[in-house]
Amino acid sequence: MTQPLLATDYSIVLTNTKHTELQLIGDWVLANSLPSLNNILEKLFTQPKLEQVFINCDSLGKWDSRLVSFILLLSEQLTVKNISLETSSLPSGVQSLITLATAVPIRKDALKKQYKPSFIEQIGHKVIDSKTETTKFITFIGEVWLSFIRFFRGKARFRKQDFWLIVQECGPEALPIITLISLLMGLILAFMGAIQLRLFGADIYVANLVAIGMSREMGAMMTAIIMAGRTGAAFAAKLGTMQVNEEIDAFKTMGIAAMDFLVLPRILALVLMMPLLTLYANVIGIFGGLCVALGMMDISIVEYYLQTQQSITLVDWSTGIFKSTVFGLLIGVIGCMSGIQCGRSASAVGDATTQAVVRSIVIIIVVDAIFTLLFESMGI
């Protein structure tokens, strides 16, 4: 296999003090390298009072678009030095390409300048974005409310099979992760309490700590956080994918309300299963505390059970159940809203999923803090 000729063959012939001839030699196609433009310019600029450069292509072989690029760059550099370039001896194809490339001058202002907004302008954009997001949220809440009204009036249209399938996904399929997290949470609460209570000889009160902590706060909150990362994200991803595939638009075209068919069963399923999952999490957390009491504190099962029974009341259980119901409603609304309002690209689905998880967790913590303050002020 023959090696291609290097397109580095050229010579500069001095014709007189003002005119110089640049001879291009060899093939200018499939070359391993091109002539060094800097070397050529250095030799040309060393000649005094140079006014014009002629290009001699008598020994030029094959050429491609790289020759055109070379001529254009050479012409640009010579123009800066007020030196003209004579290209009449170039092949007609090269001349045509050069004419085409220089037919429209380059606009100096074509490239957009990078604009950095001021601090006040950034605040304005944030306010406008917040207003837009608030409007979308209020609109979605109104649509959900109207969908619930249609449901209670028996006019909401959705498939019962889909509803029970969503219930299964929200409930039984979430039991393994709920079991693990709740058990560990009960173990942690009991272990932390045991270290401090042992200093005062009040080991038995570890049952009170775990029971009250799980039933009023940790059971509902940890279950809500788990469901926000598991089910809320799944709602956003699934509805967002349907939005990208224009399936939601197809529902609207067929006269089917997307809120009734897609959003309502998901919110109902999550509101229905959250109290049950929270109740289950409370029991598992108390069992985790029992494991620590038996292993570290020599407390019998009967003692732990009796102390737990005396420490918590129906109000404590009801408080956690009520919180979990509200958390389920919030997770369902935020997850479905992120999916329904998703953009039309694959990256938008990921953004919607992330927003659903982050917003759900933040709102869960904020609402839980509000409930705690309200219950404290009410003496509950």
Protein backbone atom coordinates (compact mmCIF):
# COMPACT_ATOMS: atom_id res chain seq x y z
CA MET A 1 0.00 0.00 0.00
CA THR A 2 1.53 3.31 -1.08
CA GLN A 3 1.82 6.06 1.45
CA PRO A 4 0.00 9.32 0.59
CA LEU A 5 2.13 12.32 -0.29
CA LEU A 6 2.57 14.85 2.46
CA ALA A 7 0.95 18.16 1.67
CA THR A 8 3.95 20.01 3.02
CA ASP A 9 5.68 20.50 -0.29
CA TYR A 10 5.91 24.10 -1.35
CA SER A 11 8.53 26.63 -2.36
CA ILE A 12 8.78 30.39 -2.27
CA VAL A 13 10.39 32.02 -5.29
CA LEU A 14 11.53 35.61 -5.03
CA THR A 15 10.57 37.45 -8.24
CA ASN A 16 11.51 40.97 -7.12
CA THR A 17 11.43 43.04 -3.95
CA LYS A 18 7.69 43.58 -4.16
CA HIS A 19 6.37 40.36 -5.69
CA THR A 20 6.81 36.78 -4.47
CA GLU A 21 5.65 33.49 -5.96
CA LEU A 22 4.37 30.69 -3.75
CA GLN A 23 4.60 27.33 -5.52
CA LEU A 24 2.38 24.49 -4.29
CA ILE A 25 3.78 21.05 -5.03
CA GLY A 26 2.34 17.56 -4.69
CA ASP A 27 -1.02 16.16 -3.63
CA TRP A 28 -3.25 17.97 -1.16
CA VAL A 29 -5.61 15.10 -0.49
CA LEU A 30 -5.47 12.32 2.12
CA ALA A 31 -2.40 14.03 3.53
CA ASN A 32 -1.03 13.27 6.96
CA SER A 33 -0.38 16.96 7.60
CA LEU A 34 -0.71 20.36 6.00
CA PRO A 35 1.92 23.00 5.37
CA SER A 36 2.71 25.12 8.36
CA LEU A 37 1.01 28.43 7.73
CA ASN A 38 3.19 30.11 10.31
CA ASN A 39 6.37 29.01 8.53
CA ILE A 40 5.11 30.33 5.19
CA LEU A 41 4.07 33.66 6.69
CA GLU A 42 7.39 34.00 8.47
CA LYS A 43 9.31 33.59 5.20
CA LEU A 44 6.98 35.96 3.34
CA PHE A 45 7.05 38.71 5.96
CA THR A 46 10.85 38.72 6.10
CA GLN A 47 10.96 40.09 2.56
CA PRO A 48 11.04 43.91 2.51
CA LYS A 49 8.31 45.98 0.88
CA LEU A 50 6.24 42.93 -0.12
CA GLU A 51 3.05 43.99 -1.94
CA GLN A 52 1.73 40.91 -3.72
CA VAL A 53 1.99 37.11 -3.53
CA PHE A 54 1.34 34.91 -6.55
CA ILE A 55 0.26 31.29 -6.16
CA ASN A 56 1.73 28.89 -8.69
CA CYS A 57 -0.25 25.65 -9.05
CA ASP A 58 1.57 24.18 -12.07
CA SER A 59 2.96 21.33 -9.93
CA LEU A 60 -0.16 20.89 -7.85
CA GLY A 61 -1.60 17.37 -7.88
CA LYS A 62 -4.82 16.27 -6.20
CA TRP A 63 -6.53 18.65 -3.82
CA ASP A 64 -9.50 18.76 -1.47
CA SER A 65 -11.26 21.29 0.78
CA ARG A 66 -8.19 21.62 2.97
CA LEU A 67 -6.47 23.54 0.19
CA VAL A 68 -9.40 25.98 0.15
CA SER A 69 -9.12 26.46 3.93
CA PHE A 70 -5.39 27.03 3.58
CA ILE A 71 -5.86 29.69 0.89
CA LEU A 72 -8.54 31.49 2.92
CA LEU A 73 -6.39 31.58 6.04
CA LEU A 74 -3.39 32.77 4.05
CA SER A 75 -5.44 35.51 2.40
CA GLU A 76 -6.77 36.67 5.77
CA GLN A 77 -3.27 36.98 7.24
CA LEU A 78 -1.88 38.77 4.19
CA THR A 79 -4.78 41.22 4.13
CA VAL A 80 -3.87 42.32 7.64
CA LYS A 81 -0.41 43.27 6.31
CA ASN A 82 -1.90 45.02 3.22
CA ILE A 83 -0.50 42.35 0.93
CA SER A 84 -2.66 41.16 -1.98
CA LEU A 85 -2.94 37.50 -2.95
CA GLU A 86 -3.20 36.54 -6.61
CA THR A 87 -5.23 33.32 -7.01
CA SER A 88 -5.91 33.34 -10.75
CA SER A 89 -3.74 30.26 -11.32
CA LEU A 90 -5.72 28.15 -8.87
CA PRO A 91 -7.93 25.38 -10.28
CA SER A 92 -11.41 26.54 -11.23
CA GLY A 93 -12.96 24.36 -8.51
CA VAL A 94 -10.85 26.02 -5.84
CA GLN A 95 -11.74 29.47 -7.12
CA SER A 96 -15.45 28.60 -7.11
CA LEU A 97 -15.29 27.42 -3.50
CA ILE A 98 -13.37 30.53 -2.43
CA THR A 99 -15.95 32.74 -4.16
CA LEU A 100 -18.76 30.86 -2.43
CA ALA A 101 -17.07 31.08 0.97
CA THR A 102 -16.49 34.83 0.67
CA ALA A 103 -19.83 35.70 -0.96
CA VAL A 104 -21.42 36.76 2.35
CA PRO A 105 -19.19 38.67 4.77
CA ILE A 106 -19.03 37.51 8.37
CA ARG A 107 -21.20 39.57 10.69
CA LYS A 108 -19.16 40.67 13.64
CA ASP A 109 -22.23 40.94 15.83
CA ALA A 110 -23.63 37.52 14.84
CA LEU A 111 -22.38 35.84 18.01
CA LYS A 112 -24.41 36.65 21.08
CA LYS A 113 -22.53 38.23 23.89
CA GLN A 114 -22.76 36.52 27.23
CA TYR A 115 -25.11 38.55 29.37
CA LYS A 116 -24.93 38.39 33.13
CA PRO A 117 -28.05 39.77 34.79
CA SER A 118 -27.73 42.03 37.79
CA PHE A 119 -28.68 40.98 41.31
CA ILE A 120 -31.96 42.92 41.18
CA GLU A 121 -32.81 41.33 37.82
CA GLN A 122 -32.12 37.86 39.21
CA ILE A 123 -34.49 38.57 42.10
CA GLY A 124 -37.11 39.69 39.59
CA HIS A 125 -36.76 36.47 37.59
CA LYS A 126 -37.09 34.44 40.79
CA VAL A 127 -40.26 36.32 41.75
CA ILE A 128 -41.76 35.79 38.30
CA ASP A 129 -40.87 32.08 38.37
CA SER A 130 -42.37 31.74 41.85
CA LYS A 131 -45.55 33.44 40.68
CA THR A 132 -45.78 31.08 37.72
CA GLU A 133 -45.22 27.99 39.88
CA THR A 134 -47.78 29.20 42.42
CA THR A 135 -50.35 29.72 39.69
CA LYS A 136 -49.74 26.23 38.33
CA PHE A 137 -50.01 24.73 41.83
CA ILE A 138 -53.29 26.52 42.62
CA THR A 139 -54.71 25.52 39.25
CA PHE A 140 -53.78 21.89 39.80
CA ILE A 141 -55.25 21.91 43.33
CA GLY A 142 -58.50 23.27 41.90
CA GLU A 143 -58.61 20.54 39.26
CA VAL A 144 -57.97 17.89 41.92
CA TRP A 145 -60.76 19.35 44.07
CA LEU A 146 -63.21 19.25 41.16
CA SER A 147 -62.14 15.68 40.46
CA PHE A 148 -62.90 14.71 44.09
CA ILE A 149 -66.31 16.36 43.81
CA ARG A 150 -67.05 14.29 40.70
CA PHE A 151 -65.87 11.20 42.56
CA PHE A 152 -68.20 11.75 45.52
CA ARG A 153 -71.04 12.43 43.11
CA GLY A 154 -70.27 9.15 41.32
CA LYS A 155 -69.33 10.82 38.02
CA ALA A 156 -65.55 10.30 38.04
CA ARG A 157 -64.37 7.91 35.33
CA PHE A 158 -61.44 5.57 36.03
CA ARG A 159 -60.84 1.84 35.88
CA LYS A 160 -61.27 -0.07 39.13
CA GLN A 161 -58.61 -2.54 38.01
CA ASP A 162 -56.09 0.29 37.75
CA PHE A 163 -57.07 1.59 41.16
CA TRP A 164 -56.52 -1.74 42.91
CA LEU A 165 -53.25 -2.21 41.06
CA ILE A 166 -52.06 1.17 42.35
CA VAL A 167 -53.24 0.21 45.85
CA GLN A 168 -51.10 -2.91 45.64
CA GLU A 169 -48.09 -0.87 44.52
CA CYS A 170 -48.57 1.68 47.30
CA GLY A 171 -49.38 -0.80 50.05
CA PRO A 172 -48.25 -4.44 50.09
CA GLU A 173 -45.26 -3.88 47.82
CA ALA A 174 -43.98 -1.16 50.18
CA LEU A 175 -44.06 -3.39 53.27
CA PRO A 176 -40.45 -4.70 53.02
CA ILE A 177 -38.82 -1.26 53.00
CA ILE A 178 -41.27 0.03 55.64
CA THR A 179 -40.44 -2.97 57.85
CA LEU A 180 -36.69 -2.44 57.56
CA ILE A 181 -36.72 1.31 58.20
CA SER A 182 -39.25 1.15 61.05
CA LEU A 183 -37.40 -1.67 62.79
CA LEU A 184 -34.12 0.23 62.60
CA MET A 185 -35.83 3.41 63.78
CA GLY A 186 -37.22 1.61 66.83
CA LEU A 187 -33.80 0.13 67.56
CA ILE A 188 -32.14 3.55 67.30
CA LEU A 189 -34.66 5.29 69.56
CA ALA A 190 -34.44 2.54 72.17
CA PHE A 191 -30.64 2.42 72.08
CA MET A 192 -30.30 6.19 72.44
CA GLY A 193 -32.82 6.25 75.27
CA ALA A 194 -31.26 3.30 77.05
CA ILE A 195 -27.88 5.00 77.35
CA GLN A 196 -29.34 8.09 79.03
CA LEU A 197 -32.08 6.42 81.11
CA ARG A 198 -29.62 3.91 82.55
CA LEU A 199 -27.79 6.81 84.24
CA PHE A 200 -30.89 7.52 86.33
CA GLY A 201 -32.00 3.92 86.86
CA ALA A 202 -35.10 4.50 84.74
CA ASP A 203 -34.56 1.73 82.20
CA ILE A 204 -38.22 0.79 82.05
CA TYR A 205 -39.13 4.17 80.53
CA VAL A 206 -37.44 3.24 77.29
CA ALA A 207 -40.77 1.68 76.37
CA ASN A 208 -42.47 5.07 76.82
CA LEU A 209 -39.85 6.78 74.66
CA VAL A 210 -40.17 4.36 71.77
CA ALA A 211 -43.96 4.07 71.90
CA ILE A 212 -44.65 7.81 72.03
CA GLY A 213 -41.93 8.68 69.56
CA MET A 214 -43.10 6.16 66.98
CA SER A 215 -46.84 6.70 67.36
CA ARG A 216 -46.80 10.51 67.33
CA GLU A 217 -43.89 11.47 65.11
CA MET A 218 -41.39 9.03 63.68
CA GLY A 219 -43.79 6.42 62.35
CA ALA A 220 -45.80 8.85 60.22
CA MET A 221 -42.81 10.93 59.14
CA MET A 222 -40.51 8.07 58.14
CA THR A 223 -43.33 6.32 56.29
CA ALA A 224 -44.12 9.54 54.43
CA ILE A 225 -40.48 10.11 53.47
CA ILE A 226 -40.19 6.53 52.23
CA MET A 227 -43.37 6.83 50.18
CA ALA A 228 -42.25 10.19 48.78
CA GLY A 229 -39.04 8.66 47.47
CA ARG A 230 -40.70 5.46 46.32
CA THR A 231 -44.29 6.10 45.25
CA GLY A 232 -44.28 9.87 44.68
CA ALA A 233 -41.29 9.55 42.36
CA ALA A 234 -42.97 6.65 40.55
CA PHE A 235 -46.11 8.74 39.99
CA ALA A 236 -44.08 11.62 38.57
CA ALA A 237 -42.01 9.37 36.32
CA LYS A 238 -44.96 7.45 34.93
CA LEU A 239 -47.16 10.47 34.26
CA GLY A 240 -44.17 12.39 32.91
CA THR A 241 -43.42 9.59 30.45
CA MET A 242 -47.05 9.59 29.37
CA GLN A 243 -46.80 13.35 28.82
CA VAL A 244 -43.69 12.90 26.67
CA ASN A 245 -45.38 10.17 24.62
CA GLU A 246 -48.47 12.42 24.21
CA GLU A 247 -50.70 9.81 25.84
CA ILE A 248 -52.31 12.44 28.07
CA ASP A 249 -53.13 14.51 24.98
CA ALA A 250 -54.73 11.40 23.52
CA PHE A 251 -56.98 11.10 26.60
CA LYS A 252 -58.08 14.70 26.15
CA THR A 253 -58.75 14.09 22.45
CA MET A 254 -60.99 11.14 23.32
CA GLY A 255 -62.89 13.24 25.86
CA ILE A 256 -61.48 11.42 28.92
CA ALA A 257 -60.51 13.66 31.85
CA ALA A 258 -56.88 12.93 32.67
CA MET A 259 -57.42 14.13 36.25
CA ASP A 260 -60.13 11.52 36.82
CA PHE A 261 -58.50 8.68 34.92
CA LEU A 262 -54.86 9.13 35.98
CA VAL A 263 -54.50 11.43 38.99
CA LEU A 264 -57.56 10.65 41.13
CA PRO A 265 -56.96 6.88 41.59
CA ARG A 266 -53.34 7.49 42.56
CA ILE A 267 -54.20 10.08 45.20
CA LEU A 268 -57.03 7.93 46.58
CA ALA A 269 -54.80 4.87 46.76
CA LEU A 270 -52.05 6.73 48.60
CA VAL A 271 -54.48 8.39 51.04
CA LEU A 272 -56.04 5.00 51.73
CA MET A 273 -52.77 3.12 52.31
CA MET A 274 -50.73 5.71 54.24
CA PRO A 275 -52.63 5.31 57.57
CA LEU A 276 -52.36 1.52 57.34
CA LEU A 277 -48.65 1.67 56.56
CA THR A 278 -48.11 4.13 59.42
CA LEU A 279 -49.95 1.86 61.85
CA TYR A 280 -47.79 -1.05 60.70
CA ALA A 281 -44.63 1.07 61.04
CA ASN A 282 -45.57 2.00 64.60
CA VAL A 283 -45.95 -1.65 65.59
CA ILE A 284 -42.65 -2.64 63.96
CA GLY A 285 -40.86 0.30 65.62
CA ILE A 286 -42.17 -0.70 69.03
CA PHE A 287 -41.00 -4.24 68.35
CA GLY A 288 -37.54 -2.87 67.56
CA GLY A 289 -37.51 -1.13 70.92
CA LEU A 290 -38.50 -4.39 72.54
CA CYS A 291 -35.46 -6.10 70.99
CA VAL A 292 -33.15 -3.54 72.59
CA ALA A 293 -34.96 -3.80 75.94
CA LEU A 294 -34.61 -7.56 76.00
CA GLY A 295 -31.00 -7.61 74.81
CA MET A 296 -29.47 -4.70 76.74
CA MET A 297 -31.69 -3.80 79.68
CA ASP A 298 -33.01 -7.12 81.03
CA ILE A 299 -36.64 -5.98 80.69
CA SER A 300 -39.14 -8.76 80.18
CA ILE A 301 -41.70 -8.83 77.41
CA VAL A 302 -44.58 -8.45 79.90
CA GLU A 303 -42.99 -5.41 81.56
CA TYR A 304 -42.30 -3.77 78.21
CA TYR A 305 -45.85 -4.48 77.00
CA LEU A 306 -47.51 -3.11 80.13
CA GLN A 307 -45.36 0.01 80.14
CA THR A 308 -46.11 0.62 76.47
CA GLN A 309 -49.83 0.15 77.06
CA GLN A 310 -49.80 2.69 79.90
CA SER A 311 -47.70 5.28 78.04
CA ILE A 312 -49.69 5.77 74.85
CA THR A 313 -53.33 6.64 74.40
CA LEU A 314 -55.78 6.67 71.54
CA VAL A 315 -54.96 10.36 71.01
CA ASP A 316 -51.32 9.47 70.35
CA TRP A 317 -52.29 6.85 67.79
CA SER A 318 -54.86 9.19 66.19
CA THR A 319 -52.30 11.98 65.92
CA GLY A 320 -49.94 9.85 63.84
CA ILE A 321 -52.75 8.44 61.73
CA PHE A 322 -54.10 11.92 60.98
CA LYS A 323 -50.65 13.17 60.00
CA SER A 324 -50.10 10.19 57.72
CA THR A 325 -53.39 10.84 55.92
CA VAL A 326 -52.40 14.43 55.21
CA PHE A 327 -48.91 13.33 54.17
CA GLY A 328 -50.41 10.81 51.74
CA LEU A 329 -52.57 13.51 50.17
CA LEU A 330 -49.61 15.85 49.79
CA ILE A 331 -47.34 13.18 48.31
CA GLY A 332 -49.97 12.12 45.80
CA VAL A 333 -50.77 15.68 44.73
CA ILE A 334 -47.12 16.72 44.37
CA GLY A 335 -46.09 13.54 42.55
CA CYS A 336 -48.97 13.71 40.08
CA MET A 337 -48.56 17.45 39.56
CA SER A 338 -44.87 17.04 38.73
CA GLY A 339 -45.74 14.35 36.18
CA ILE A 340 -48.70 16.12 34.58
CA GLN A 341 -46.77 19.40 34.24
CA CYS A 342 -43.67 17.64 32.91
CA GLY A 343 -41.97 18.89 29.74
CA ARG A 344 -41.75 17.10 26.42
CA SER A 345 -38.24 15.66 26.64
CA ALA A 346 -36.55 12.71 28.32
CA SER A 347 -34.54 14.99 30.60
CA ALA A 348 -37.76 16.68 31.71
CA VAL A 349 -38.97 13.35 33.14
CA GLY A 350 -35.88 13.13 35.32
CA ASP A 351 -36.31 16.73 36.44
CA ALA A 352 -39.98 16.09 37.28
CA THR A 353 -39.06 13.02 39.34
CA THR A 354 -36.41 14.93 41.26
CA GLN A 355 -38.76 17.82 41.92
CA ALA A 356 -41.46 15.47 43.18
CA VAL A 357 -39.15 13.86 45.74
CA VAL A 358 -37.53 17.08 46.94
CA ARG A 359 -40.79 19.03 47.22
CA SER A 360 -42.56 16.17 48.96
CA ILE A 361 -39.87 15.73 51.61
CA VAL A 362 -39.62 19.46 52.28
CA ILE A 363 -43.39 19.88 52.58
CA ILE A 364 -43.65 16.79 54.81
CA ILE A 365 -41.15 18.22 57.30
CA VAL A 366 -42.70 21.70 57.22
CA VAL A 367 -46.25 20.39 57.68
CA ASP A 368 -45.13 18.06 60.47
CA ALA A 369 -43.57 21.00 62.30
CA ILE A 370 -46.80 22.98 61.89
CA PHE A 371 -48.87 20.08 63.22
CA THR A 372 -46.54 19.73 66.21
CA LEU A 373 -46.99 23.39 67.11
CA LEU A 374 -50.76 23.20 66.67
CA PHE A 375 -51.10 20.06 68.78
CA GLU A 376 -48.89 21.59 71.46
CA SER A 377 -50.99 24.74 71.58
CA MET A 378 -54.17 22.65 71.74
CA GLY A 379 -52.76 20.48 74.52
CA ILE A 380 -52.94 17.27 72.50
